[in-house]
PDB file of N, CA and C in Angstrom:
ATOM      1  N   MET A   1       0.830  -1.175   0.000  1.00  0.00           N
ATOM      2  CA  MET A   1       0.000   0.000   0.000  1.00  0.00           C
ATOM      3  C   MET A   1       0.880   1.246   0.000  1.00  0.00           C
ATOM      4  N   ILE A   2       0.661   2.125  -0.934  1.00  0.00           N
ATOM      5  CA  ILE A   2       1.428   3.363  -1.038  1.00  0.00           C
ATOM      6  C   ILE A   2       0.638   4.474  -0.358  1.00  0.00           C
ATOM      7  N   THR A   3       1.314   5.175   0.525  1.00  0.00           N
ATOM      8  CA  THR A   3       0.655   6.293   1.207  1.00  0.00           C
ATOM      9  C   THR A   3       1.359   7.584   0.843  1.00  0.00           C
ATOM     10  N   LYS A   4       0.638   8.660   0.892  1.00  0.00           N
ATOM     11  CA  LYS A   4       1.216   9.971   0.635  1.00  0.00           C
ATOM     12  C   LYS A   4       1.915  10.462   1.901  1.00  0.00           C
ATOM     13  N   LEU A   5       2.985  11.170   1.677  1.00  0.00           N
ATOM     14  CA  LEU A   5       3.692  11.750   2.809  1.00  0.00           C
ATOM     15  C   LEU A   5       2.969  13.000   3.291  1.00  0.00           C
ATOM     16  N   SER A   6       2.894  13.152   4.597  1.00  0.00           N
ATOM     17  CA  SER A   6       2.304  14.368   5.150  1.00  0.00           C
ATOM     18  C   SER A   6       3.272  15.534   4.929  1.00  0.00           C
ATOM     19  N   LYS A   7       2.808  16.748   5.139  1.00  0.00           N
ATOM     20  CA  LYS A   7       3.672  17.922   4.998  1.00  0.00           C
ATOM     21  C   LYS A   7       4.858  17.821   5.947  1.00  0.00           C
ATOM     22  N   TRP A   8       4.603  17.345   7.152  1.00  0.00           N
ATOM     23  CA  TRP A   8       5.675  17.213   8.138  1.00  0.00           C
ATOM     24  C   TRP A   8       6.704  16.198   7.663  1.00  0.00           C
ATOM     25  N   GLU A   9       6.258  15.061   7.147  1.00  0.00           N
ATOM     26  CA  GLU A   9       7.187  14.050   6.670  1.00  0.00           C
ATOM     27  C   GLU A   9       8.004  14.559   5.491  1.00  0.00           C
ATOM     28  N   LYS A  10       7.370  15.326   4.615  1.00  0.00           N
ATOM     29  CA  LYS A  10       8.101  15.908   3.491  1.00  0.00           C
ATOM     30  C   LYS A  10       9.171  16.865   3.990  1.00  0.00           C
ATOM     31  N   SER A  11       8.811  17.670   4.979  1.00  0.00           N
ATOM     32  CA  SER A  11       9.783  18.625   5.497  1.00  0.00           C
ATOM     33  C   SER A  11      10.932  17.913   6.197  1.00  0.00           C
ATOM     34  N   MET A  12      10.649  16.762   6.806  1.00  0.00           N
ATOM     35  CA  MET A  12      11.698  16.009   7.488  1.00  0.00           C
ATOM     36  C   MET A  12      12.648  15.347   6.503  1.00  0.00           C
ATOM     37  N   THR A  13      12.227  15.145   5.288  1.00  0.00           N
ATOM     38  CA  THR A  13      13.102  14.532   4.296  1.00  0.00           C
ATOM     39  C   THR A  13      13.818  15.577   3.449  1.00  0.00           C
ATOM     40  N   SER A  14      13.493  16.830   3.631  1.00  0.00           N
ATOM     41  CA  SER A  14      14.107  17.881   2.824  1.00  0.00           C
ATOM     42  C   SER A  14      15.485  18.248   3.365  1.00  0.00           C
ATOM     43  N   ARG A  15      16.198  19.007   2.602  1.00  0.00           N
ATOM     44  CA  ARG A  15      17.548  19.439   2.961  1.00  0.00           C
ATOM     45  C   ARG A  15      17.568  20.194   4.279  1.00  0.00           C
ATOM     46  N   GLU A  16      16.550  21.004   4.543  1.00  0.00           N
ATOM     47  CA  GLU A  16      16.518  21.809   5.752  1.00  0.00           C
ATOM     48  C   GLU A  16      16.396  20.979   7.024  1.00  0.00           C
ATOM     49  N   SER A  17      16.042  19.723   6.896  1.00  0.00           N
ATOM     50  CA  SER A  17      15.842  18.897   8.077  1.00  0.00           C
ATOM     51  C   SER A  17      17.120  18.235   8.569  1.00  0.00           C
ATOM     52  N   LYS A  18      18.204  18.409   7.856  1.00  0.00           N
ATOM     53  CA  LYS A  18      19.449  17.801   8.291  1.00  0.00           C
ATOM     54  C   LYS A  18      19.806  18.315   9.683  1.00  0.00           C
ATOM     55  N   PHE A  19      20.370  17.445  10.461  1.00  0.00           N
ATOM     56  CA  PHE A  19      20.720  17.803  11.829  1.00  0.00           C
ATOM     57  C   PHE A  19      21.657  19.000  11.874  1.00  0.00           C
ATOM     58  N   SER A  20      22.655  19.019  11.020  1.00  0.00           N
ATOM     59  CA  SER A  20      23.612  20.121  11.033  1.00  0.00           C
ATOM     60  C   SER A  20      22.939  21.446  10.685  1.00  0.00           C
ATOM     61  N   ASP A  21      21.945  21.409   9.806  1.00  0.00           N
ATOM     62  CA  ASP A  21      21.220  22.631   9.480  1.00  0.00           C
ATOM     63  C   ASP A  21      20.411  23.105  10.676  1.00  0.00           C
ATOM     64  N   LEU A  22      19.840  22.176  11.418  1.00  0.00           N
ATOM     65  CA  LEU A  22      19.097  22.552  12.617  1.00  0.00           C
ATOM     66  C   LEU A  22      20.018  23.158  13.659  1.00  0.00           C
ATOM     67  N   ILE A  23      21.189  22.578  13.811  1.00  0.00           N
ATOM     68  CA  ILE A  23      22.162  23.116  14.763  1.00  0.00           C
ATOM     69  C   ILE A  23      22.529  24.542  14.367  1.00  0.00           C
ATOM     70  N   LYS A  24      22.794  24.755  13.075  1.00  0.00           N
ATOM     71  CA  LYS A  24      23.144  26.101  12.623  1.00  0.00           C
ATOM     72  C   LYS A  24      22.003  27.081  12.873  1.00  0.00           C
ATOM     73  N   PHE A  25      20.769  26.623  12.728  1.00  0.00           N
ATOM     74  CA  PHE A  25      19.612  27.491  12.930  1.00  0.00           C
ATOM     75  C   PHE A  25      19.457  27.878  14.399  1.00  0.00           C
ATOM     76  N   PHE A  26      19.576  26.887  15.288  1.00  0.00           N
ATOM     77  CA  PHE A  26      19.356  27.154  16.700  1.00  0.00           C
ATOM     78  C   PHE A  26      20.591  27.677  17.428  1.00  0.00           C
ATOM     79  N   TYR A  27      21.771  27.331  16.927  1.00  0.00           N
ATOM     80  CA  TYR A  27      23.016  27.744  17.575  1.00  0.00           C
ATOM     81  C   TYR A  27      23.976  28.354  16.561  1.00  0.00           C
ATOM     82  N   PRO A  28      23.629  29.485  15.983  1.00  0.00           N
ATOM     83  CA  PRO A  28      24.540  30.092  15.009  1.00  0.00           C
ATOM     84  C   PRO A  28      25.793  30.622  15.702  1.00  0.00           C
ATOM     85  N   ILE A  29      26.869  30.738  14.936  1.00  0.00           N
ATOM     86  CA  ILE A  29      28.085  31.321  15.490  1.00  0.00           C
ATOM     87  C   ILE A  29      27.772  32.778  15.839  1.00  0.00           C
ATOM     88  N   GLN A  30      28.054  33.140  17.058  1.00  0.00           N
ATOM     89  CA  GLN A  30      27.758  34.496  17.518  1.00  0.00           C
ATOM     90  C   GLN A  30      28.800  35.465  16.969  1.00  0.00           C
ATOM     91  N   LYS A  31      28.342  36.631  16.558  1.00  0.00           N
ATOM     92  CA  LYS A  31      29.246  37.643  16.006  1.00  0.00           C
ATOM     93  C   LYS A  31      30.285  38.061  17.039  1.00  0.00           C
ATOM     94  N   SER A  32      29.902  38.090  18.318  1.00  0.00           N
ATOM     95  CA  SER A  32      30.858  38.468  19.362  1.00  0.00           C
ATOM     96  C   SER A  32      31.976  37.428  19.478  1.00  0.00           C
ATOM     97  N   LEU A  33      31.650  36.158  19.230  1.00  0.00           N
ATOM     98  CA  LEU A  33      32.657  35.100  19.261  1.00  0.00           C
ATOM     99  C   LEU A  33      33.633  35.267  18.103  1.00  0.00           C
ATOM    100  N   LEU A  34      33.121  35.649  16.942  1.00  0.00           N
ATOM    101  CA  LEU A  34      33.989  35.844  15.775  1.00  0.00           C
ATOM    102  C   LEU A  34      35.009  36.955  16.011  1.00  0.00           C
ATOM    103  N   LYS A  35      34.662  37.920  16.830  1.00  0.00           N
ATOM    104  CA  LYS A  35      35.579  39.040  17.088  1.00  0.00           C
ATOM    105  C   LYS A  35      36.812  38.599  17.864  1.00  0.00           C
ATOM    106  N   ILE A  36      36.701  37.539  18.658  1.00  0.00           N
ATOM    107  CA  ILE A  36      37.839  37.133  19.479  1.00  0.00           C
ATOM    108  C   ILE A  36      38.568  35.895  18.960  1.00  0.00           C
ATOM    109  N   LEU A  37      37.952  35.151  18.038  1.00  0.00           N
ATOM    110  CA  LEU A  37      38.612  33.960  17.499  1.00  0.00           C
ATOM    111  C   LEU A  37      39.671  34.354  16.474  1.00  0.00           C
ATOM    112  N   VAL A  38      40.808  33.674  16.548  1.00  0.00           N
ATOM    113  CA  VAL A  38      41.881  33.905  15.578  1.00  0.00           C
ATOM    114  C   VAL A  38      42.373  32.555  15.063  1.00  0.00           C
ATOM    115  N   CYS A  39      43.029  32.591  13.941  1.00  0.00           N
ATOM    116  CA  CYS A  39      43.608  31.388  13.342  1.00  0.00           C
ATOM    117  C   CYS A  39      44.737  30.882  14.239  1.00  0.00           C
ATOM    118  N   PRO A  40      44.721  29.607  14.601  1.00  0.00           N
ATOM    119  CA  PRO A  40      45.789  29.078  15.449  1.00  0.00           C
ATOM    120  C   PRO A  40      47.157  29.037  14.761  1.00  0.00           C
ATOM    121  N   GLN A  41      47.164  29.075  13.446  1.00  0.00           N
ATOM    122  CA  GLN A  41      48.439  29.033  12.724  1.00  0.00           C
ATOM    123  C   GLN A  41      49.041  30.421  12.556  1.00  0.00           C
ATOM    124  N   SER A  42      48.224  31.379  12.108  1.00  0.00           N
ATOM    125  CA  SER A  42      48.767  32.706  11.792  1.00  0.00           C
ATOM    126  C   SER A  42      48.423  33.779  12.829  1.00  0.00           C
ATOM    127  N   GLY A  43      47.391  33.551  13.621  1.00  0.00           N
ATOM    128  CA  GLY A  43      46.947  34.568  14.575  1.00  0.00           C
ATOM    129  C   GLY A  43      46.071  35.634  13.932  1.00  0.00           C
ATOM    130  N   ALA A  44      45.754  35.449  12.656  1.00  0.00           N
ATOM    131  CA  ALA A  44      44.917  36.414  11.925  1.00  0.00           C
ATOM    132  C   ALA A  44      43.437  36.185  12.265  1.00  0.00           C
ATOM    133  N   PRO A  45      42.606  37.205  12.068  1.00  0.00           N
ATOM    134  CA  PRO A  45      41.169  37.043  12.350  1.00  0.00           C
ATOM    135  C   PRO A  45      40.520  36.030  11.399  1.00  0.00           C
ATOM    136  N   LEU A  46      39.407  35.450  11.862  1.00  0.00           N
ATOM    137  CA  LEU A  46      38.655  34.474  11.076  1.00  0.00           C
ATOM    138  C   LEU A  46      37.346  35.079  10.598  1.00  0.00           C
ATOM    139  N   GLU A  47      36.888  34.639   9.439  1.00  0.00           N
ATOM    140  CA  GLU A  47      35.621  35.084   8.864  1.00  0.00           C
ATOM    141  C   GLU A  47      34.712  33.880   8.690  1.00  0.00           C
ATOM    142  N   LEU A  48      33.432  34.103   8.821  1.00  0.00           N
ATOM    143  CA  LEU A  48      32.452  33.045   8.614  1.00  0.00           C
ATOM    144  C   LEU A  48      32.231  32.868   7.113  1.00  0.00           C
ATOM    145  N   SER A  49      32.243  31.621   6.651  1.00  0.00           N
ATOM    146  CA  SER A  49      32.026  31.349   5.230  1.00  0.00           C
ATOM    147  C   SER A  49      30.585  31.671   4.846  1.00  0.00           C
ATOM    148  N   LYS A  50      30.341  31.769   3.552  1.00  0.00           N
ATOM    149  CA  LYS A  50      28.985  32.070   3.068  1.00  0.00           C
ATOM    150  C   LYS A  50      27.980  31.031   3.525  1.00  0.00           C
ATOM    151  N   ASN A  51      28.383  29.766   3.550  1.00  0.00           N
ATOM    152  CA  ASN A  51      27.491  28.683   3.983  1.00  0.00           C
ATOM    153  C   ASN A  51      27.401  28.567   5.499  1.00  0.00           C
ATOM    154  N   GLU A  52      28.223  29.340   6.195  1.00  0.00           N
ATOM    155  CA  GLU A  52      28.289  29.322   7.657  1.00  0.00           C
ATOM    156  C   GLU A  52      28.655  27.944   8.206  1.00  0.00           C
ATOM    157  N   ASP A  53      29.469  27.208   7.446  1.00  0.00           N
ATOM    158  CA  ASP A  53      29.906  25.895   7.909  1.00  0.00           C
ATOM    159  C   ASP A  53      31.412  25.819   8.128  1.00  0.00           C
ATOM    160  N   GLU A  54      32.095  26.948   7.901  1.00  0.00           N
ATOM    161  CA  GLU A  54      33.542  27.001   8.090  1.00  0.00           C
ATOM    162  C   GLU A  54      33.949  28.401   8.541  1.00  0.00           C
ATOM    163  N   LEU A  55      35.094  28.455   9.223  1.00  0.00           N
ATOM    164  CA  LEU A  55      35.726  29.727   9.547  1.00  0.00           C
ATOM    165  C   LEU A  55      36.943  29.855   8.642  1.00  0.00           C
ATOM    166  N   ILE A  56      37.041  30.977   7.957  1.00  0.00           N
ATOM    167  CA  ILE A  56      38.060  31.178   6.930  1.00  0.00           C
ATOM    168  C   ILE A  56      39.162  32.095   7.454  1.00  0.00           C
ATOM    169  N   CYS A  57      40.414  31.687   7.209  1.00  0.00           N
ATOM    170  CA  CYS A  57      41.559  32.542   7.492  1.00  0.00           C
ATOM    171  C   CYS A  57      42.202  32.912   6.162  1.00  0.00           C
ATOM    172  N   GLN A  58      42.129  34.190   5.821  1.00  0.00           N
ATOM    173  CA  GLN A  58      42.713  34.660   4.561  1.00  0.00           C
ATOM    174  C   GLN A  58      44.243  34.579   4.606  1.00  0.00           C
ATOM    175  N   ALA A  59      44.842  34.858   5.764  1.00  0.00           N
ATOM    176  CA  ALA A  59      46.297  34.901   5.886  1.00  0.00           C
ATOM    177  C   ALA A  59      46.942  33.535   5.683  1.00  0.00           C
ATOM    178  N   SER A  60      46.413  32.509   6.328  1.00  0.00           N
ATOM    179  CA  SER A  60      47.013  31.176   6.206  1.00  0.00           C
ATOM    180  C   SER A  60      46.348  30.320   5.134  1.00  0.00           C
ATOM    181  N   LYS A  61      45.302  30.853   4.513  1.00  0.00           N
ATOM    182  CA  LYS A  61      44.568  30.152   3.453  1.00  0.00           C
ATOM    183  C   LYS A  61      44.019  28.813   3.936  1.00  0.00           C
ATOM    184  N   LEU A  62      43.409  28.839   5.142  1.00  0.00           N
ATOM    185  CA  LEU A  62      42.825  27.639   5.730  1.00  0.00           C
ATOM    186  C   LEU A  62      41.359  27.870   6.051  1.00  0.00           C
ATOM    187  N   ALA A  63      40.590  26.779   5.979  1.00  0.00           N
ATOM    188  CA  ALA A  63      39.176  26.802   6.353  1.00  0.00           C
ATOM    189  C   ALA A  63      38.979  25.803   7.482  1.00  0.00           C
ATOM    190  N   TYR A  64      38.541  26.306   8.630  1.00  0.00           N
ATOM    191  CA  TYR A  64      38.312  25.462   9.803  1.00  0.00           C
ATOM    192  C   TYR A  64      36.834  25.062   9.846  1.00  0.00           C
ATOM    193  N   PRO A  65      36.544  23.774  10.008  1.00  0.00           N
ATOM    194  CA  PRO A  65      35.140  23.333   9.998  1.00  0.00           C
ATOM    195  C   PRO A  65      34.394  23.756  11.265  1.00  0.00           C
ATOM    196  N   ILE A  66      33.079  23.876  11.118  1.00  0.00           N
ATOM    197  CA  ILE A  66      32.188  24.084  12.251  1.00  0.00           C
ATOM    198  C   ILE A  66      31.331  22.830  12.321  1.00  0.00           C
ATOM    199  N   LYS A  67      31.499  22.054  13.378  1.00  0.00           N
ATOM    200  CA  LYS A  67      30.769  20.794  13.526  1.00  0.00           C
ATOM    201  C   LYS A  67      29.773  20.911  14.665  1.00  0.00           C
ATOM    202  N   ASP A  68      28.504  20.720  14.358  1.00  0.00           N
ATOM    203  CA  ASP A  68      27.425  20.812  15.339  1.00  0.00           C
ATOM    204  C   ASP A  68      27.473  22.127  16.106  1.00  0.00           C
ATOM    205  N   GLY A  69      27.794  23.196  15.390  1.00  0.00           N
ATOM    206  CA  GLY A  69      27.807  24.522  15.988  1.00  0.00           C
ATOM    207  C   GLY A  69      29.086  24.877  16.726  1.00  0.00           C
ATOM    208  N   VAL A  70      30.068  23.981  16.724  1.00  0.00           N
ATOM    209  CA  VAL A  70      31.318  24.216  17.448  1.00  0.00           C
ATOM    210  C   VAL A  70      32.477  24.339  16.452  1.00  0.00           C
ATOM    211  N   PRO A  71      33.192  25.483  16.472  1.00  0.00           N
ATOM    212  CA  PRO A  71      34.348  25.619  15.583  1.00  0.00           C
ATOM    213  C   PRO A  71      35.467  24.674  15.998  1.00  0.00           C
ATOM    214  N   VAL A  72      36.028  23.968  15.028  1.00  0.00           N
ATOM    215  CA  VAL A  72      37.148  23.061  15.283  1.00  0.00           C
ATOM    216  C   VAL A  72      38.408  23.781  14.814  1.00  0.00           C
ATOM    217  N   LEU A  73      39.100  24.399  15.751  1.00  0.00           N
ATOM    218  CA  LEU A  73      40.262  25.219  15.415  1.00  0.00           C
ATOM    219  C   LEU A  73      41.561  24.440  15.570  1.00  0.00           C
ATOM    220  N   LEU A  74      41.638  23.350  14.853  1.00  0.00           N
ATOM    221  CA  LEU A  74      42.850  22.536  14.798  1.00  0.00           C
ATOM    222  C   LEU A  74      43.389  22.592  13.381  1.00  0.00           C
ATOM    223  N   VAL A  75      44.656  22.947  13.254  1.00  0.00           N
ATOM    224  CA  VAL A  75      45.263  23.040  11.928  1.00  0.00           C
ATOM    225  C   VAL A  75      45.155  21.697  11.208  1.00  0.00           C
ATOM    226  N   SER A  76      45.257  20.610  11.950  1.00  0.00           N
ATOM    227  CA  SER A  76      45.173  19.278  11.339  1.00  0.00           C
ATOM    228  C   SER A  76      43.783  18.976  10.779  1.00  0.00           C
ATOM    229  N   GLU A  77      42.754  19.660  11.264  1.00  0.00           N
ATOM    230  CA  GLU A  77      41.380  19.460  10.783  1.00  0.00           C
ATOM    231  C   GLU A  77      40.996  20.455   9.684  1.00  0.00           C
ATOM    232  N   ALA A  78      41.801  21.485   9.502  1.00  0.00           N
ATOM    233  CA  ALA A  78      41.492  22.524   8.510  1.00  0.00           C
ATOM    234  C   ALA A  78      41.805  22.028   7.103  1.00  0.00           C
ATOM    235  N   ARG A  79      41.100  22.613   6.149  1.00  0.00           N
ATOM    236  CA  ARG A  79      41.410  22.294   4.747  1.00  0.00           C
ATOM    237  C   ARG A  79      42.041  23.513   4.103  1.00  0.00           C
ATOM    238  N   GLU A  80      42.935  23.266   3.162  1.00  0.00           N
ATOM    239  CA  GLU A  80      43.592  24.362   2.461  1.00  0.00           C
ATOM    240  C   GLU A  80      42.642  24.946   1.425  1.00  0.00           C
ATOM    241  N   LEU A  81      42.638  26.265   1.338  1.00  0.00           N
ATOM    242  CA  LEU A  81      41.783  26.949   0.380  1.00  0.00           C
ATOM    243  C   LEU A  81      42.540  27.193  -0.917  1.00  0.00           C
ATOM    244  N   LYS A  82      41.824  27.091  -2.014  1.00  0.00           N
ATOM    245  CA  LYS A  82      42.384  27.418  -3.318  1.00  0.00           C
ATOM    246  C   LYS A  82      42.263  28.928  -3.512  1.00  0.00           C
ATOM    247  N   ASP A  83      43.082  29.465  -4.402  1.00  0.00           N
ATOM    248  CA  ASP A  83      43.068  30.917  -4.650  1.00  0.00           C
ATOM    249  C   ASP A  83      41.685  31.411  -5.055  1.00  0.00           C
ATOM    250  N   GLN A  84      40.974  30.628  -5.886  1.00  0.00           N
ATOM    251  CA  GLN A  84      39.660  31.054  -6.338  1.00  0.00           C
ATOM    252  C   GLN A  84      38.658  31.088  -5.179  1.00  0.00           C
ATOM    253  N   GLU A  85      38.817  30.220  -4.186  1.00  0.00           N
ATOM    254  CA  GLU A  85      37.941  30.226  -3.019  1.00  0.00           C
ATOM    255  C   GLU A  85      38.183  31.458  -2.159  1.00  0.00           C
ATOM    256  N   LEU A  86      39.426  31.890  -2.076  1.00  0.00           N
ATOM    257  CA  LEU A  86      39.745  33.070  -1.262  1.00  0.00           C
ATOM    258  C   LEU A  86      39.090  34.319  -1.820  1.00  0.00           C
ATOM    259  N   SER A  87      39.047  34.446  -3.126  1.00  0.00           N
ATOM    260  CA  SER A  87      38.431  35.631  -3.718  1.00  0.00           C
ATOM    261  C   SER A  87      36.919  35.606  -3.588  1.00  0.00           C
ATOM    262  N   ASN A  88      36.310  34.391  -3.489  1.00  0.00           N
ATOM    263  CA  ASN A  88      34.856  34.271  -3.367  1.00  0.00           C
ATOM    264  C   ASN A  88      34.374  34.481  -1.948  1.00  0.00           C
ATOM    265  N   GLU A  89      35.190  34.223  -0.959  1.00  0.00           N
ATOM    266  CA  GLU A  89      34.790  34.359   0.434  1.00  0.00           C
ATOM    267  C   GLU A  89      34.792  35.811   0.760  1.00  0.00           C
TER     268      GLU A  89
END
């Protein structure tokens, strides 16, 4: 028997229902926190990415992930940014 999905079930299967998206919605990175966070490698200020899922350091060309609303400021966890990504951020 095939049943139709309710509006709630449809919303739960959509992209917005992902756990990480919910975390970002309820626990966004606070602007005051961004003012004091610096890159552990260069000491330069960090910027929030457009998707709000990474903290970007222009000086060291690294992107630090934000997992479940918590910035992971470990150089070993950061990914290197390409030149084209730096100009887009």
